[in-house]
PDB file of N, CA and C in Angstrom:
ATOM      1  N   MET A   1      38.672 179.859  93.952  1.00  0.00           N
ATOM      2  CA  MET A   1      38.660 179.395  95.332  1.00  0.00           C
ATOM      3  C   MET A   1      37.998 178.031  95.402  1.00  0.00           C
ATOM      4  N   THR A   2      38.554 177.145  96.193  1.00  0.00           N
ATOM      5  CA  THR A   2      38.026 175.811  96.377  1.00  0.00           C
ATOM      6  C   THR A   2      36.688 175.854  97.105  1.00  0.00           C
ATOM      7  N   LYS A   3      35.728 175.045  96.635  1.00  0.00           N
ATOM      8  CA  LYS A   3      34.422 175.014  97.280  1.00  0.00           C
ATOM      9  C   LYS A   3      34.388 174.112  98.503  1.00  0.00           C
ATOM     10  N   ASN A   4      35.253 173.114  98.558  1.00  0.00           N
ATOM     11  CA  ASN A   4      35.274 172.158  99.665  1.00  0.00           C
ATOM     12  C   ASN A   4      36.633 172.188 100.348  1.00  0.00           C
ATOM     13  N   VAL A   5      36.606 172.289 101.673  1.00  0.00           N
ATOM     14  CA  VAL A   5      37.840 172.305 102.453  1.00  0.00           C
ATOM     15  C   VAL A   5      37.687 171.312 103.600  1.00  0.00           C
ATOM     16  N   PHE A   6      38.668 170.434 103.754  1.00  0.00           N
ATOM     17  CA  PHE A   6      38.702 169.492 104.862  1.00  0.00           C
ATOM     18  C   PHE A   6      39.841 169.900 105.784  1.00  0.00           C
ATOM     19  N   GLY A   7      39.621 169.805 107.072  1.00  0.00           N
ATOM     20  CA  GLY A   7      40.661 170.169 108.027  1.00  0.00           C
ATOM     21  C   GLY A   7      40.732 169.180 109.171  1.00  0.00           C
ATOM     22  N   PHE A   8      41.897 169.080 109.754  1.00  0.00           N
ATOM     23  CA  PHE A   8      42.108 168.206 110.904  1.00  0.00           C
ATOM     24  C   PHE A   8      43.113 168.873 111.834  1.00  0.00           C
ATOM     25  N   THR A   9      42.802 168.905 113.122  1.00  0.00           N
ATOM     26  CA  THR A   9      43.747 169.414 114.105  1.00  0.00           C
ATOM     27  C   THR A   9      43.836 168.434 115.264  1.00  0.00           C
ATOM     28  N   ALA A  10      44.980 168.410 115.878  1.00  0.00           N
ATOM     29  CA  ALA A  10      45.198 167.610 117.082  1.00  0.00           C
ATOM     30  C   ALA A  10      46.005 168.459 118.054  1.00  0.00           C
ATOM     31  N   ASP A  11      45.645 168.407 119.310  1.00  0.00           N
ATOM     32  CA  ASP A  11      46.279 169.225 120.329  1.00  0.00           C
ATOM     33  C   ASP A  11      46.448 168.368 121.580  1.00  0.00           C
ATOM     34  N   ALA A  12      47.614 168.392 122.176  1.00  0.00           N
ATOM     35  CA  ALA A  12      47.865 167.640 123.410  1.00  0.00           C
ATOM     36  C   ALA A  12      48.683 168.499 124.360  1.00  0.00           C
ATOM     37  N   ASP A  13      48.320 168.457 125.638  1.00  0.00           N
ATOM     38  CA  ASP A  13      49.030 169.199 126.682  1.00  0.00           C
ATOM     39  C   ASP A  13      49.295 168.253 127.842  1.00  0.00           C
ATOM     40  N   THR A  14      50.442 168.428 128.516  1.00  0.00           N
ATOM     41  CA  THR A  14      50.730 167.551 129.642  1.00  0.00           C
ATOM     42  C   THR A  14      51.614 168.221 130.685  1.00  0.00           C
ATOM     43  N   TYR A  15      51.351 167.890 131.931  1.00  0.00           N
ATOM     44  CA  TYR A  15      52.227 168.161 133.061  1.00  0.00           C
ATOM     45  C   TYR A  15      52.787 166.833 133.573  1.00  0.00           C
ATOM     46  N   PHE A  16      52.646 165.773 132.783  1.00  0.00           N
ATOM     47  CA  PHE A  16      53.115 164.434 133.127  1.00  0.00           C
ATOM     48  C   PHE A  16      52.524 163.947 134.452  1.00  0.00           C
ATOM     49  N   ARG A  17      51.227 164.197 134.619  1.00  0.00           N
ATOM     50  CA  ARG A  17      50.430 163.769 135.784  1.00  0.00           C
ATOM     51  C   ARG A  17      50.942 164.324 137.106  1.00  0.00           C
ATOM     52  N   ARG A  18      51.685 165.393 137.046  1.00  0.00           N
ATOM     53  CA  ARG A  18      52.101 166.049 138.298  1.00  0.00           C
ATOM     54  C   ARG A  18      50.936 166.870 138.814  1.00  0.00           C
ATOM     55  N   ASN A  19      50.820 166.966 140.107  1.00  0.00           N
ATOM     56  CA  ASN A  19      49.745 167.725 140.713  1.00  0.00           C
ATOM     57  C   ASN A  19      50.125 169.210 140.700  1.00  0.00           C
ATOM     58  N   VAL A  20      49.405 170.007 139.927  1.00  0.00           N
ATOM     59  CA  VAL A  20      49.657 171.445 139.842  1.00  0.00           C
ATOM     60  C   VAL A  20      48.413 172.189 140.318  1.00  0.00           C
ATOM     61  N   ALA A  21      48.585 173.441 140.669  1.00  0.00           N
ATOM     62  CA  ALA A  21      47.478 174.263 141.167  1.00  0.00           C
ATOM     63  C   ALA A  21      46.372 174.374 140.120  1.00  0.00           C
ATOM     64  N   ASP A  22      45.155 174.478 140.593  1.00  0.00           N
ATOM     65  CA  ASP A  22      43.988 174.505 139.718  1.00  0.00           C
ATOM     66  C   ASP A  22      44.039 175.583 138.624  1.00  0.00           C
ATOM     67  N   PRO A  23      44.467 176.811 138.908  1.00  0.00           N
ATOM     68  CA  PRO A  23      44.481 177.816 137.831  1.00  0.00           C
ATOM     69  C   PRO A  23      45.455 177.490 136.697  1.00  0.00           C
ATOM     70  N   LEU A  24      46.456 176.635 136.959  1.00  0.00           N
ATOM     71  CA  LEU A  24      47.443 176.294 135.937  1.00  0.00           C
ATOM     72  C   LEU A  24      47.057 175.061 135.118  1.00  0.00           C
ATOM     73  N   ARG A  25      45.982 174.405 135.474  1.00  0.00           N
ATOM     74  CA  ARG A  25      45.570 173.190 134.770  1.00  0.00           C
ATOM     75  C   ARG A  25      44.986 173.519 133.403  1.00  0.00           C
ATOM     76  N   PHE A  26      45.056 172.549 132.528  1.00  0.00           N
ATOM     77  CA  PHE A  26      44.518 172.696 131.175  1.00  0.00           C
ATOM     78  C   PHE A  26      43.009 172.517 131.219  1.00  0.00           C
ATOM     79  N   THR A  27      42.326 173.140 130.275  1.00  0.00           N
ATOM     80  CA  THR A  27      40.864 173.059 130.253  1.00  0.00           C
ATOM     81  C   THR A  27      40.361 172.650 128.877  1.00  0.00           C
ATOM     82  N   LEU A  28      39.211 172.013 128.879  1.00  0.00           N
ATOM     83  CA  LEU A  28      38.459 171.717 127.675  1.00  0.00           C
ATOM     84  C   LEU A  28      37.022 172.147 127.919  1.00  0.00           C
ATOM     85  N   GLY A  29      36.342 172.521 126.853  1.00  0.00           N
ATOM     86  CA  GLY A  29      34.956 172.948 126.946  1.00  0.00           C
ATOM     87  C   GLY A  29      34.798 174.344 126.389  1.00  0.00           C
ATOM     88  N   GLY A  30      33.688 174.574 125.724  1.00  0.00           N
ATOM     89  CA  GLY A  30      33.397 175.877 125.153  1.00  0.00           C
ATOM     90  C   GLY A  30      33.520 175.853 123.639  1.00  0.00           C
ATOM     91  N   PRO A  31      33.181 176.948 122.991  1.00  0.00           N
ATOM     92  CA  PRO A  31      33.204 176.994 121.528  1.00  0.00           C
ATOM     93  C   PRO A  31      34.548 176.561 120.944  1.00  0.00           C
ATOM     94  N   LEU A  32      34.491 175.605 120.043  1.00  0.00           N
ATOM     95  CA  LEU A  32      35.624 175.091 119.290  1.00  0.00           C
ATOM     96  C   LEU A  32      36.640 174.314 120.135  1.00  0.00           C
ATOM     97  N   ARG A  33      36.296 173.971 121.375  1.00  0.00           N
ATOM     98  CA  ARG A  33      37.122 173.095 122.232  1.00  0.00           C
ATOM     99  C   ARG A  33      36.185 172.190 123.025  1.00  0.00           C
ATOM    100  N   LEU A  34      35.469 171.341 122.365  1.00  0.00           N
ATOM    101  CA  LEU A  34      34.350 170.541 122.862  1.00  0.00           C
ATOM    102  C   LEU A  34      33.141 171.456 123.016  1.00  0.00           C
ATOM    103  N   SER A  35      32.612 171.861 121.904  1.00  0.00           N
ATOM    104  CA  SER A  35      31.585 172.894 121.815  1.00  0.00           C
ATOM    105  C   SER A  35      30.309 172.607 122.582  1.00  0.00           C
ATOM    106  N   ALA A  36      29.937 171.340 122.749  1.00  0.00           N
ATOM    107  CA  ALA A  36      28.692 171.015 123.452  1.00  0.00           C
ATOM    108  C   ALA A  36      28.829 171.160 124.967  1.00  0.00           C
ATOM    109  N   SER A  37      30.031 171.311 125.461  1.00  0.00           N
ATOM    110  CA  SER A  37      30.275 171.441 126.901  1.00  0.00           C
ATOM    111  C   SER A  37      30.403 172.910 127.290  1.00  0.00           C
ATOM    112  N   SER A  38      30.222 173.191 128.563  1.00  0.00           N
ATOM    113  CA  SER A  38      30.357 174.561 129.065  1.00  0.00           C
ATOM    114  C   SER A  38      31.812 175.009 128.997  1.00  0.00           C
ATOM    115  N   ILE A  39      32.020 176.312 128.988  1.00  0.00           N
ATOM    116  CA  ILE A  39      33.373 176.867 128.899  1.00  0.00           C
ATOM    117  C   ILE A  39      34.196 176.385 130.092  1.00  0.00           C
ATOM    118  N   ASP A  40      35.366 175.814 129.793  1.00  0.00           N
ATOM    119  CA  ASP A  40      36.303 175.306 130.801  1.00  0.00           C
ATOM    120  C   ASP A  40      35.667 174.310 131.775  1.00  0.00           C
ATOM    121  N   GLU A  41      34.707 173.528 131.298  1.00  0.00           N
ATOM    122  CA  GLU A  41      34.018 172.565 132.158  1.00  0.00           C
ATOM    123  C   GLU A  41      34.951 171.476 132.671  1.00  0.00           C
ATOM    124  N   TYR A  42      35.921 171.085 131.876  1.00  0.00           N
ATOM    125  CA  TYR A  42      36.833 170.014 132.245  1.00  0.00           C
ATOM    126  C   TYR A  42      38.223 170.598 132.527  1.00  0.00           C
ATOM    127  N   ARG A  43      38.810 170.205 133.630  1.00  0.00           N
ATOM    128  CA  ARG A  43      40.105 170.748 134.042  1.00  0.00           C
ATOM    129  C   ARG A  43      40.981 169.593 134.502  1.00  0.00           C
ATOM    130  N   GLY A  44      42.234 169.556 134.025  1.00  0.00           N
ATOM    131  CA  GLY A  44      43.137 168.486 134.420  1.00  0.00           C
ATOM    132  C   GLY A  44      44.585 168.801 134.096  1.00  0.00           C
ATOM    133  N   THR A  45      45.458 167.858 134.429  1.00  0.00           N
ATOM    134  CA  THR A  45      46.889 168.049 134.217  1.00  0.00           C
ATOM    135  C   THR A  45      47.356 167.552 132.854  1.00  0.00           C
ATOM    136  N   ASP A  46      46.536 166.772 132.179  1.00  0.00           N
ATOM    137  CA  ASP A  46      46.876 166.239 130.862  1.00  0.00           C
ATOM    138  C   ASP A  46      45.606 166.211 130.008  1.00  0.00           C
ATOM    139  N   ASP A  47      45.746 166.518 128.739  1.00  0.00           N
ATOM    140  CA  ASP A  47      44.576 166.455 127.860  1.00  0.00           C
ATOM    141  C   ASP A  47      44.993 166.261 126.412  1.00  0.00           C
ATOM    142  N   PHE A  48      44.022 165.887 125.606  1.00  0.00           N
ATOM    143  CA  PHE A  48      44.186 165.911 124.155  1.00  0.00           C
ATOM    144  C   PHE A  48      42.848 166.252 123.529  1.00  0.00           C
ATOM    145  N   LEU A  49      42.910 166.843 122.366  1.00  0.00           N
ATOM    146  CA  LEU A  49      41.717 167.238 121.632  1.00  0.00           C
ATOM    147  C   LEU A  49      41.980 167.023 120.149  1.00  0.00           C
ATOM    148  N   ILE A  50      41.047 166.387 119.472  1.00  0.00           N
ATOM    149  CA  ILE A  50      41.124 166.270 118.016  1.00  0.00           C
ATOM    150  C   ILE A  50      39.870 166.865 117.410  1.00  0.00           C
ATOM    151  N   ARG A  51      40.046 167.477 116.258  1.00  0.00           N
ATOM    152  CA  ARG A  51      38.921 168.043 115.507  1.00  0.00           C
ATOM    153  C   ARG A  51      39.101 167.696 114.049  1.00  0.00           C
ATOM    154  N   ALA A  52      38.045 167.247 113.443  1.00  0.00           N
ATOM    155  CA  ALA A  52      38.020 167.006 112.005  1.00  0.00           C
ATOM    156  C   ALA A  52      36.833 167.787 111.468  1.00  0.00           C
ATOM    157  N   GLY A  53      37.066 168.578 110.439  1.00  0.00           N
ATOM    158  CA  GLY A  53      35.998 169.436 109.949  1.00  0.00           C
ATOM    159  C   GLY A  53      35.916 169.502 108.445  1.00  0.00           C
ATOM    160  N   TYR A  54      34.760 169.936 107.983  1.00  0.00           N
ATOM    161  CA  TYR A  54      34.473 170.098 106.563  1.00  0.00           C
ATOM    162  C   TYR A  54      33.823 171.458 106.371  1.00  0.00           C
ATOM    163  N   LEU A  55      34.322 172.220 105.425  1.00  0.00           N
ATOM    164  CA  LEU A  55      33.724 173.505 105.045  1.00  0.00           C
ATOM    165  C   LEU A  55      33.279 173.439 103.593  1.00  0.00           C
ATOM    166  N   ARG A  56      32.083 173.898 103.316  1.00  0.00           N
ATOM    167  CA  ARG A  56      31.576 173.968 101.944  1.00  0.00           C
ATOM    168  C   ARG A  56      31.173 175.400 101.672  1.00  0.00           C
ATOM    169  N   ARG A  57      31.778 175.976 100.658  1.00  0.00           N
ATOM    170  CA  ARG A  57      31.448 177.360 100.299  1.00  0.00           C
ATOM    171  C   ARG A  57      30.054 177.392  99.704  1.00  0.00           C
ATOM    172  N   ILE A  58      29.177 178.208 100.296  1.00  0.00           N
ATOM    173  CA  ILE A  58      27.801 178.294  99.804  1.00  0.00           C
ATOM    174  C   ILE A  58      27.511 179.627  99.117  1.00  0.00           C
ATOM    175  N   ALA A  59      28.362 180.621  99.345  1.00  0.00           N
ATOM    176  CA  ALA A  59      28.170 181.914  98.678  1.00  0.00           C
ATOM    177  C   ALA A  59      29.449 182.737  98.769  1.00  0.00           C
ATOM    178  N   ALA A  60      29.644 183.572  97.771  1.00  0.00           N
ATOM    179  CA  ALA A  60      30.752 184.537  97.797  1.00  0.00           C
ATOM    180  C   ALA A  60      30.212 185.845  98.374  1.00  0.00           C
ATOM    181  N   LEU A  61      31.007 186.497  99.200  1.00  0.00           N
ATOM    182  CA  LEU A  61      30.609 187.792  99.749  1.00  0.00           C
ATOM    183  C   LEU A  61      31.066 188.898  98.798  1.00  0.00           C
ATOM    184  N   PRO A  62      30.349 190.015  98.784  1.00  0.00           N
ATOM    185  CA  PRO A  62      30.754 191.133  97.921  1.00  0.00           C
ATOM    186  C   PRO A  62      32.165 191.618  98.257  1.00  0.00           C
ATOM    187  N   THR A  63      32.847 192.163  97.265  1.00  0.00           N
ATOM    188  CA  THR A  63      34.197 192.683  97.442  1.00  0.00           C
ATOM    189  C   THR A  63      34.226 193.680  98.601  1.00  0.00           C
ATOM    190  N   GLY A  64      35.195 193.519  99.472  1.00  0.00           N
ATOM    191  CA  GLY A  64      35.331 194.397 100.624  1.00  0.00           C
ATOM    192  C   GLY A  64      34.636 193.875 101.875  1.00  0.00           C
ATOM    193  N   LEU A  65      33.688 192.951 101.720  1.00  0.00           N
ATOM    194  CA  LEU A  65      32.982 192.402 102.878  1.00  0.00           C
ATOM    195  C   LEU A  65      33.530 191.051 103.322  1.00  0.00           C
ATOM    196  N   GLY A  66      34.394 190.478 102.506  1.00  0.00           N
ATOM    197  CA  GLY A  66      34.978 189.207 102.907  1.00  0.00           C
ATOM    198  C   GLY A  66      35.125 188.243 101.763  1.00  0.00           C
ATOM    199  N   GLU A  67      35.550 187.047 102.128  1.00  0.00           N
ATOM    200  CA  GLU A  67      35.852 186.037 101.123  1.00  0.00           C
ATOM    201  C   GLU A  67      34.678 185.152 100.774  1.00  0.00           C
ATOM    202  N   GLY A  68      33.923 184.708 101.788  1.00  0.00           N
ATOM    203  CA  GLY A  68      32.824 183.817 101.483  1.00  0.00           C
ATOM    204  C   GLY A  68      32.016 183.420 102.693  1.00  0.00           C
ATOM    205  N   LEU A  69      30.919 182.735 102.404  1.00  0.00           N
ATOM    206  CA  LEU A  69      30.028 182.185 103.410  1.00  0.00           C
ATOM    207  C   LEU A  69      30.092 180.679 103.265  1.00  0.00           C
ATOM    208  N   TYR A  70      30.292 179.980 104.376  1.00  0.00           N
ATOM    209  CA  TYR A  70      30.524 178.537 104.348  1.00  0.00           C
ATOM    210  C   TYR A  70      29.582 177.809 105.290  1.00  0.00           C
ATOM    211  N   PHE A  71      29.229 176.585 104.922  1.00  0.00           N
ATOM    212  CA  PHE A  71      28.561 175.641 105.811  1.00  0.00           C
ATOM    213  C   PHE A  71      29.660 174.782 106.414  1.00  0.00           C
ATOM    214  N   THR A  72      29.573 174.477 107.696  1.00  0.00           N
ATOM    215  CA  THR A  72      30.595 173.656 108.342  1.00  0.00           C
ATOM    216  C   THR A  72      29.972 172.491 109.092  1.00  0.00           C
ATOM    217  N   LEU A  73      30.712 171.419 109.120  1.00  0.00           N
ATOM    218  CA  LEU A  73      30.338 170.218 109.860  1.00  0.00           C
ATOM    219  C   LEU A  73      31.628 169.670 110.460  1.00  0.00           C
ATOM    220  N   ALA A  74      31.638 169.388 111.755  1.00  0.00           N
ATOM    221  CA  ALA A  74      32.880 168.952 112.408  1.00  0.00           C
ATOM    222  C   ALA A  74      32.601 167.932 113.501  1.00  0.00           C
ATOM    223  N   TYR A  75      33.630 167.166 113.796  1.00  0.00           N
ATOM    224  CA  TYR A  75      33.636 166.225 114.920  1.00  0.00           C
ATOM    225  C   TYR A  75      34.721 166.678 115.884  1.00  0.00           C
ATOM    226  N   GLU A  76      34.432 166.655 117.179  1.00  0.00           N
ATOM    227  CA  GLU A  76      35.414 166.973 118.206  1.00  0.00           C
ATOM    228  C   GLU A  76      35.452 165.826 119.215  1.00  0.00           C
ATOM    229  N   GLY A  77      36.638 165.444 119.600  1.00  0.00           N
ATOM    230  CA  GLY A  77      36.799 164.432 120.635  1.00  0.00           C
ATOM    231  C   GLY A  77      37.954 164.828 121.531  1.00  0.00           C
ATOM    232  N   GLY A  78      37.747 164.767 122.822  1.00  0.00           N
ATOM    233  CA  GLY A  78      38.803 165.152 123.743  1.00  0.00           C
ATOM    234  C   GLY A  78      38.751 164.351 125.022  1.00  0.00           C
ATOM    235  N   GLU A  79      39.905 164.206 125.634  1.00  0.00           N
ATOM    236  CA  GLU A  79      40.006 163.484 126.892  1.00  0.00           C
ATOM    237  C   GLU A  79      40.887 164.302 127.826  1.00  0.00           C
ATOM    238  N   ILE A  80      40.535 164.287 129.095  1.00  0.00           N
ATOM    239  CA  ILE A  80      41.309 165.035 130.081  1.00  0.00           C
ATOM    240  C   ILE A  80      41.416 164.186 131.348  1.00  0.00           C
ATOM    241  N   TRP A  81      42.563 164.272 132.018  1.00  0.00           N
ATOM    242  CA  TRP A  81      42.767 163.488 133.236  1.00  0.00           C
ATOM    243  C   TRP A  81      43.728 164.208 134.157  1.00  0.00           C
ATOM    244  N   SER A  82      43.769 163.750 135.404  1.00  0.00           N
ATOM    245  CA  SER A  82      44.645 164.321 136.431  1.00  0.00           C
ATOM    246  C   SER A  82      44.921 163.239 137.468  1.00  0.00           C
ATOM    247  N   PRO A  83      45.881 163.475 138.387  1.00  0.00           N
ATOM    248  CA  PRO A  83      46.218 162.441 139.372  1.00  0.00           C
ATOM    249  C   PRO A  83      45.031 161.998 140.234  1.00  0.00           C
ATOM    250  N   GLU A  84      44.139 162.919 140.562  1.00  0.00           N
ATOM    251  CA  GLU A  84      43.026 162.571 141.447  1.00  0.00           C
ATOM    252  C   GLU A  84      41.751 162.149 140.717  1.00  0.00           C
ATOM    253  N   ARG A  85      41.733 162.245 139.385  1.00  0.00           N
ATOM    254  CA  ARG A  85      40.541 161.878 138.618  1.00  0.00           C
ATOM    255  C   ARG A  85      40.921 160.942 137.481  1.00  0.00           C
ATOM    256  N   PRO A  86      40.067 159.967 137.196  1.00  0.00           N
ATOM    257  CA  PRO A  86      40.346 159.101 136.048  1.00  0.00           C
ATOM    258  C   PRO A  86      40.115 159.856 134.731  1.00  0.00           C
ATOM    259  N   ALA A  87      40.663 159.336 133.671  1.00  0.00           N
ATOM    260  CA  ALA A  87      40.471 159.951 132.350  1.00  0.00           C
ATOM    261  C   ALA A  87      39.038 159.722 131.882  1.00  0.00           C
ATOM    262  N   TYR A  88      38.481 160.699 131.219  1.00  0.00           N
ATOM    263  CA  TYR A  88      37.188 160.512 130.594  1.00  0.00           C
ATOM    264  C   TYR A  88      37.182 161.211 129.240  1.00  0.00           C
ATOM    265  N   LEU A  89      36.493 160.594 128.317  1.00  0.00           N
ATOM    266  CA  LEU A  89      36.427 161.045 126.929  1.00  0.00           C
ATOM    267  C   LEU A  89      35.099 161.720 126.674  1.00  0.00           C
ATOM    268  N   ARG A  90      35.125 162.852 125.996  1.00  0.00           N
ATOM    269  CA  ARG A  90      33.913 163.543 125.564  1.00  0.00           C
ATOM    270  C   ARG A  90      33.989 163.743 124.060  1.00  0.00           C
ATOM    271  N   GLN A  91      32.837 163.620 123.398  1.00  0.00           N
ATOM    272  CA  GLN A  91      32.766 163.763 121.946  1.00  0.00           C
ATOM    273  C   GLN A  91      31.539 164.595 121.582  1.00  0.00           C
ATOM    274  N   ASP A  92      31.624 165.307 120.483  1.00  0.00           N
ATOM    275  CA  ASP A  92      30.450 166.018 119.996  1.00  0.00           C
ATOM    276  C   ASP A  92      30.550 166.277 118.500  1.00  0.00           C
ATOM    277  N   GLY A  93      29.421 166.625 117.932  1.00  0.00           N
ATOM    278  CA  GLY A  93      29.328 167.027 116.537  1.00  0.00           C
ATOM    279  C   GLY A  93      28.915 168.484 116.473  1.00  0.00           C
ATOM    280  N   VAL A  94      29.481 169.207 115.540  1.00  0.00           N
ATOM    281  CA  VAL A  94      29.247 170.643 115.419  1.00  0.00           C
ATOM    282  C   VAL A  94      28.798 170.948 113.998  1.00  0.00           C
ATOM    283  N   THR A  95      27.836 171.825 113.856  1.00  0.00           N
ATOM    284  CA  THR A  95      27.439 172.306 112.537  1.00  0.00           C
ATOM    285  C   THR A  95      27.151 173.798 112.648  1.00  0.00           C
ATOM    286  N   GLY A  96      27.281 174.499 111.529  1.00  0.00           N
ATOM    287  CA  GLY A  96      27.031 175.928 111.575  1.00  0.00           C
ATOM    288  C   GLY A  96      27.329 176.619 110.264  1.00  0.00           C
ATOM    289  N   VAL A  97      27.302 177.934 110.330  1.00  0.00           N
ATOM    290  CA  VAL A  97      27.589 178.798 109.189  1.00  0.00           C
ATOM    291  C   VAL A  97      28.763 179.682 109.571  1.00  0.00           C
ATOM    292  N   VAL A  98      29.717 179.808 108.651  1.00  0.00           N
ATOM    293  CA  VAL A  98      30.946 180.565 108.888  1.00  0.00           C
ATOM    294  C   VAL A  98      31.081 181.621 107.804  1.00  0.00           C
ATOM    295  N   ALA A  99      31.414 182.841 108.197  1.00  0.00           N
ATOM    296  CA  ALA A  99      31.671 183.921 107.245  1.00  0.00           C
ATOM    297  C   ALA A  99      33.102 184.411 107.433  1.00  0.00           C
ATOM    298  N   ALA A 100      33.873 184.424 106.352  1.00  0.00           N
ATOM    299  CA  ALA A 100      35.248 184.946 106.383  1.00  0.00           C
ATOM    300  C   ALA A 100      35.174 186.423 106.018  1.00  0.00           C
ATOM    301  N   THR A 101      35.361 187.305 107.003  1.00  0.00           N
ATOM    302  CA  THR A 101      35.209 188.747 106.808  1.00  0.00           C
ATOM    303  C   THR A 101      36.502 189.470 107.187  1.00  0.00           C
ATOM    304  N   PRO A 102      36.616 190.750 106.858  1.00  0.00           N
ATOM    305  CA  PRO A 102      37.788 191.522 107.275  1.00  0.00           C
ATOM    306  C   PRO A 102      37.907 191.644 108.801  1.00  0.00           C
ATOM    307  N   LEU A 103      36.819 191.459 109.533  1.00  0.00           N
ATOM    308  CA  LEU A 103      36.845 191.514 110.994  1.00  0.00           C
ATOM    309  C   LEU A 103      37.313 190.197 111.607  1.00  0.00           C
ATOM    310  N   GLY A 104      37.449 189.170 110.806  1.00  0.00           N
ATOM    311  CA  GLY A 104      37.810 187.841 111.276  1.00  0.00           C
ATOM    312  C   GLY A 104      36.734 186.847 110.869  1.00  0.00           C
ATOM    313  N   VAL A 105      36.879 185.632 111.322  1.00  0.00           N
ATOM    314  CA  VAL A 105      35.911 184.591 111.010  1.00  0.00           C
ATOM    315  C   VAL A 105      34.749 184.699 111.989  1.00  0.00           C
ATOM    316  N   ILE A 106      33.541 184.812 111.458  1.00  0.00           N
ATOM    317  CA  ILE A 106      32.342 184.883 112.275  1.00  0.00           C
ATOM    318  C   ILE A 106      31.634 183.542 112.148  1.00  0.00           C
ATOM    319  N   THR A 107      31.344 182.902 113.280  1.00  0.00           N
ATOM    320  CA  THR A 107      30.744 181.578 113.288  1.00  0.00           C
ATOM    321  C   THR A 107      29.455 181.595 114.098  1.00  0.00           C
ATOM    322  N   PHE A 108      28.405 181.002 113.531  1.00  0.00           N
ATOM    323  CA  PHE A 108      27.167 180.757 114.268  1.00  0.00           C
ATOM    324  C   PHE A 108      26.865 179.286 114.104  1.00  0.00           C
ATOM    325  N   GLY A 109      26.750 178.567 115.218  1.00  0.00           N
ATOM    326  CA  GLY A 109      26.548 177.130 115.096  1.00  0.00           C
ATOM    327  C   GLY A 109      25.913 176.504 116.311  1.00  0.00           C
ATOM    328  N   GLY A 110      25.776 175.206 116.210  1.00  0.00           N
ATOM    329  CA  GLY A 110      25.220 174.425 117.294  1.00  0.00           C
ATOM    330  C   GLY A 110      26.004 173.133 117.438  1.00  0.00           C
ATOM    331  N   SER A 111      25.902 172.528 118.608  1.00  0.00           N
ATOM    332  CA  SER A 111      26.663 171.325 118.896  1.00  0.00           C
ATOM    333  C   SER A 111      25.827 170.371 119.732  1.00  0.00           C
ATOM    334  N   ILE A 112      25.968 169.094 119.435  1.00  0.00           N
ATOM    335  CA  ILE A 112      25.324 168.042 120.221  1.00  0.00           C
ATOM    336  C   ILE A 112      26.411 167.062 120.628  1.00  0.00           C
ATOM    337  N   GLY A 113      26.499 166.796 121.922  1.00  0.00           N
ATOM    338  CA  GLY A 113      27.541 165.915 122.423  1.00  0.00           C
ATOM    339  C   GLY A 113      27.003 164.759 123.224  1.00  0.00           C
ATOM    340  N   ASP A 114      27.917 163.917 123.667  1.00  0.00           N
ATOM    341  CA  ASP A 114      27.518 162.800 124.505  1.00  0.00           C
ATOM    342  C   ASP A 114      27.103 163.326 125.875  1.00  0.00           C
ATOM    343  N   ALA A 115      26.542 162.465 126.681  1.00  0.00           N
ATOM    344  CA  ALA A 115      26.057 162.815 128.020  1.00  0.00           C
ATOM    345  C   ALA A 115      24.964 163.880 127.977  1.00  0.00           C
ATOM    346  N   GLY A 116      24.225 163.986 126.868  1.00  0.00           N
ATOM    347  CA  GLY A 116      23.086 164.893 126.764  1.00  0.00           C
ATOM    348  C   GLY A 116      23.426 166.362 126.653  1.00  0.00           C
ATOM    349  N   ARG A 117      24.640 166.709 126.309  1.00  0.00           N
ATOM    350  CA  ARG A 117      25.039 168.115 126.218  1.00  0.00           C
ATOM    351  C   ARG A 117      24.675 168.690 124.857  1.00  0.00           C
ATOM    352  N   ARG A 118      24.173 169.951 124.878  1.00  0.00           N
ATOM    353  CA  ARG A 118      23.819 170.675 123.652  1.00  0.00           C
ATOM    354  C   ARG A 118      24.105 172.151 123.863  1.00  0.00           C
ATOM    355  N   LYS A 119      24.604 172.799 122.827  1.00  0.00           N
ATOM    356  CA  LYS A 119      24.884 174.240 122.909  1.00  0.00           C
ATOM    357  C   LYS A 119      24.642 174.888 121.550  1.00  0.00           C
ATOM    358  N   VAL A 120      24.271 176.154 121.588  1.00  0.00           N
ATOM    359  CA  VAL A 120      24.252 177.029 120.421  1.00  0.00           C
ATOM    360  C   VAL A 120      25.274 178.112 120.731  1.00  0.00           C
ATOM    361  N   PHE A 121      26.097 178.467 119.736  1.00  0.00           N
ATOM    362  CA  PHE A 121      27.162 179.421 120.032  1.00  0.00           C
ATOM    363  C   PHE A 121      27.397 180.374 118.862  1.00  0.00           C
ATOM    364  N   PHE A 122      28.042 181.466 119.197  1.00  0.00           N
ATOM    365  CA  PHE A 122      28.473 182.487 118.254  1.00  0.00           C
ATOM    366  C   PHE A 122      29.919 182.796 118.587  1.00  0.00           C
ATOM    367  N   SER A 123      30.774 182.897 117.586  1.00  0.00           N
ATOM    368  CA  SER A 123      32.170 183.234 117.867  1.00  0.00           C
ATOM    369  C   SER A 123      32.720 184.170 116.800  1.00  0.00           C
ATOM    370  N   LEU A 124      33.680 184.959 117.210  1.00  0.00           N
ATOM    371  CA  LEU A 124      34.403 185.844 116.315  1.00  0.00           C
ATOM    372  C   LEU A 124      35.872 185.509 116.510  1.00  0.00           C
ATOM    373  N   GLY A 125      36.505 184.912 115.511  1.00  0.00           N
ATOM    374  CA  GLY A 125      37.897 184.503 115.637  1.00  0.00           C
ATOM    375  C   GLY A 125      38.173 183.297 114.772  1.00  0.00           C
ATOM    376  N   ARG A 126      39.257 182.610 115.058  1.00  0.00           N
ATOM    377  CA  ARG A 126      39.743 181.496 114.263  1.00  0.00           C
ATOM    378  C   ARG A 126      38.859 180.266 114.407  1.00  0.00           C
ATOM    379  N   LEU A 127      38.577 179.563 113.279  1.00  0.00           N
ATOM    380  CA  LEU A 127      37.775 178.350 113.314  1.00  0.00           C
ATOM    381  C   LEU A 127      38.646 177.136 113.507  1.00  0.00           C
ATOM    382  N   PHE A 128      39.753 177.021 112.763  1.00  0.00           N
ATOM    383  CA  PHE A 128      40.657 175.876 112.894  1.00  0.00           C
ATOM    384  C   PHE A 128      42.013 176.390 113.319  1.00  0.00           C
TER     385      PHE A 128
END
């Protein structure tokens, strides 16, 4: 198994700046979608999000308990806009520990972003 893994994702959503109802708008914020921001803090009709990450295997887990324990470091940048609001960009850095287990990927980490935002989070699910 490789000890170092680099990943990159890009995601973009659009309603082509049409005014749609608030529940149908796209959101950014929360674990693994601008981690330093609150869940669904940003809402708009158009958005993009990029993530670049690095995983380093720091330990192998015993057979039956999973594949490994990893250190992670990532950058997230996203922008969201709508007809009534100008576009604004948010960025943050994420670090943490990831375990690949039979229950899924377990992540414990922290994030520091622009505008003084900071979060500590725990997640069970997909990392990239």
